[in-house]
Amino acid sequence: MKENYILLKKILRKNRNELTIAGDFVKKYFQEIEKINLDDKKIINGIKKNLKNKNHLYYLIKFRKQIVGLIHLFLKKRSADLCLIYILPEFRRKGFGTLVLKKIFKKLKNKNIKNLKIEIYKNNKASIKFFTKLGAKLYSYIYYLKV
C-alpha cells in the first residue's frame, strides 16, 4: 500500500462531527485496550480541552474516504508523545499503522522534533511488537504502587 492512500485530517475544536468521530475512536481504544468504559460527553470535553492547547494534535486517519482510525500527539520542544493511535480492527496488520507513522514522522521532522515517546501497556503485545519492528527501543519502566 502506498503512503499517498492514507490521509491525515487534522481535527479542529469547532468541528462537532469530527469531535464525535474522534470520541468514538477514543472510546473504542479504552474499551479494547484498557477494558474500561468512558462517558461519551467526558471524552468529547477532554478532547476539546486538549485542543485548546496548540501542542495537542488529533488526526483522523482516512483511507479512500473512510475514517479508519485516530492518532493523538502531544508536542514538546524537541520531542513528542504519542498519546493514542487506534486503527479499526479490520484495517490492522495491513500496513496502515506504518504508513500513518511515516506521515507523522514527516510532520514532526518539519517541526524540528527528534524523538517520539510511546507508552505501551505491558499486556498490549501487538503494539509492543509493532513499535519494536519500527525500531523503537525500551527506554524505561514505569511502576505503579497502590495507595
Protein backbone atom coordinates (compact mmCIF):
# COMPACT_ATOMS: atom_id res chain seq x y z
CA MET A 1 0.00 0.00 0.00
CA LYS A 2 1.32 3.44 -0.88
CA GLU A 3 1.69 6.30 1.57
CA ASN A 4 -0.50 8.61 -0.52
CA TYR A 5 -3.51 6.32 0.03
CA ILE A 6 -3.60 7.44 3.66
CA LEU A 7 -4.80 10.92 4.58
CA LEU A 8 -4.39 12.53 7.98
CA LYS A 9 -7.20 15.01 8.66
CA LYS A 10 -6.38 17.41 11.48
CA ILE A 11 -9.28 17.80 13.90
CA LEU A 12 -10.38 21.30 14.81
CA ARG A 13 -12.22 22.21 18.01
CA LYS A 14 -15.13 23.75 16.15
CA ASN A 15 -15.95 20.70 14.01
CA ARG A 16 -18.58 18.88 16.05
CA ASN A 17 -18.82 15.92 13.65
CA GLU A 18 -15.05 15.27 13.75
CA LEU A 19 -15.04 15.60 17.54
CA THR A 20 -17.78 12.99 17.80
CA ILE A 21 -15.90 10.62 15.49
CA ALA A 22 -12.69 11.15 17.46
CA GLY A 23 -14.60 10.50 20.68
CA ASP A 24 -15.89 7.21 19.26
CA PHE A 25 -12.33 6.10 18.49
CA VAL A 26 -11.10 7.10 21.95
CA LYS A 27 -13.95 5.13 23.48
CA LYS A 28 -13.15 2.06 21.36
CA TYR A 29 -9.48 2.31 22.34
CA PHE A 30 -10.25 2.37 26.06
CA GLN A 31 -12.79 -0.43 25.78
CA GLU A 32 -10.46 -2.67 23.81
CA ILE A 33 -7.05 -1.91 25.28
CA GLU A 34 -7.73 -0.79 28.82
CA LYS A 35 -11.04 -2.62 29.34
CA ILE A 36 -12.84 0.45 30.70
CA ASN A 37 -15.96 2.24 29.55
CA LEU A 38 -15.80 6.03 29.40
CA ASP A 39 -18.66 8.50 29.21
CA ASP A 40 -19.09 9.99 25.71
CA LYS A 41 -19.58 13.55 26.98
CA LYS A 42 -16.45 13.38 29.15
CA ILE A 43 -14.42 12.08 26.21
CA ILE A 44 -15.56 14.93 23.91
CA ASN A 45 -14.95 17.52 26.64
CA GLY A 46 -11.48 16.09 27.21
CA ILE A 47 -10.64 16.32 23.51
CA LYS A 48 -12.00 19.90 23.36
CA LYS A 49 -9.93 20.84 26.40
CA ASN A 50 -6.80 19.30 24.87
CA LEU A 51 -7.38 21.13 21.59
CA LYS A 52 -7.30 24.48 23.40
CA ASN A 53 -3.58 23.78 23.74
CA LYS A 54 -1.84 24.05 20.34
CA ASN A 55 0.58 21.30 21.36
CA HIS A 56 -2.17 18.67 21.31
CA LEU A 57 -2.82 17.37 17.81
CA TYR A 58 -5.55 14.96 16.79
CA TYR A 59 -5.76 13.46 13.31
CA LEU A 60 -8.44 11.29 11.79
CA ILE A 61 -6.87 8.54 9.67
CA LYS A 62 -8.64 8.24 6.33
CA PHE A 63 -8.35 5.57 3.67
CA ARG A 64 -10.33 6.07 0.50
CA LYS A 65 -12.99 8.35 2.04
CA GLN A 66 -13.42 6.04 5.06
CA ILE A 67 -12.21 7.04 8.50
CA VAL A 68 -10.26 4.06 9.82
CA GLY A 69 -8.55 5.44 12.90
CA LEU A 70 -7.30 8.24 15.11
CA ILE A 71 -3.94 9.47 16.30
CA HIS A 72 -3.31 11.91 19.17
CA LEU A 73 0.06 13.58 19.74
CA PHE A 74 1.38 15.99 22.34
CA LEU A 75 4.24 18.16 21.10
CA LYS A 76 7.09 19.33 23.32
CA LYS A 77 10.13 21.42 22.49
CA ARG A 78 12.29 18.70 20.86
CA SER A 79 10.12 15.62 21.32
CA ALA A 80 6.52 14.45 21.12
CA ASP A 81 4.38 11.97 23.00
CA LEU A 82 2.21 9.53 21.10
CA CYS A 83 -0.84 9.64 23.35
CA LEU A 84 -3.01 7.34 21.29
CA ILE A 85 -3.13 5.56 17.98
CA TYR A 86 -6.19 3.50 17.18
CA ILE A 87 -6.96 1.75 13.92
CA LEU A 88 -10.15 -0.22 13.38
CA PRO A 89 -9.53 -3.97 13.78
CA GLU A 90 -10.43 -4.79 10.16
CA PHE A 91 -7.67 -2.44 8.96
CA ARG A 92 -4.90 -3.73 11.24
CA ARG A 93 -1.91 -5.74 10.07
CA LYS A 94 -2.26 -4.27 6.58
CA GLY A 95 0.38 -1.55 6.79
CA PHE A 96 -1.84 1.33 7.89
CA GLY A 97 -0.02 1.93 11.18
CA THR A 98 3.36 2.04 9.47
CA LEU A 99 2.12 4.44 6.80
CA VAL A 100 0.45 6.68 9.37
CA LEU A 101 3.63 6.88 11.42
CA LYS A 102 5.71 7.69 8.33
CA LYS A 103 3.41 10.65 7.71
CA ILE A 104 3.60 11.65 11.37
CA PHE A 105 7.41 11.42 11.33
CA LYS A 106 7.48 13.85 8.38
CA LYS A 107 5.25 16.29 10.26
CA LEU A 108 7.41 16.01 13.39
CA LYS A 109 10.65 16.49 11.45
CA ASN A 110 9.19 19.63 9.89
CA LYS A 111 8.68 20.94 13.45
CA ASN A 112 12.29 20.00 14.32
CA ILE A 113 11.13 17.26 16.69
CA LYS A 114 13.68 14.49 17.06
CA ASN A 115 12.03 11.85 19.26
CA LEU A 116 8.63 10.26 19.70
CA LYS A 117 7.82 8.80 23.13
CA ILE A 118 5.37 5.93 23.24
CA GLU A 119 3.93 4.42 26.41
CA ILE A 120 2.51 0.94 25.90
CA TYR A 121 0.74 -1.21 28.46
CA LYS A 122 2.76 -4.36 29.06
CA ASN A 123 -0.19 -6.58 28.10
CA ASN A 124 -0.57 -4.85 24.70
CA LYS A 125 1.68 -7.35 22.90
CA ALA A 126 0.56 -6.31 19.41
CA SER A 127 1.66 -2.69 19.98
CA ILE A 128 4.95 -3.76 21.56
CA LYS A 129 5.69 -5.96 18.54
CA PHE A 130 4.62 -3.22 16.10
CA PHE A 131 6.74 -0.43 17.60
CA THR A 132 9.74 -2.72 18.16
CA LYS A 133 9.57 -3.69 14.49
CA LEU A 134 9.66 0.03 13.63
CA GLY A 135 12.86 0.41 15.64
CA ALA A 136 11.53 1.65 18.98
CA LYS A 137 13.83 0.96 21.91
CA LEU A 138 12.79 0.31 25.51
CA TYR A 139 13.87 3.37 27.47
CA SER A 140 12.37 2.97 30.94
CA TYR A 141 9.92 1.09 33.10
CA ILE A 142 7.02 2.75 34.90
CA TYR A 143 5.81 1.16 38.13
CA TYR A 144 2.59 1.90 40.00
CA LEU A 145 2.01 1.36 43.68
CA LYS A 146 -1.45 1.04 45.23
CA VAL A 147 -2.04 3.61 47.89
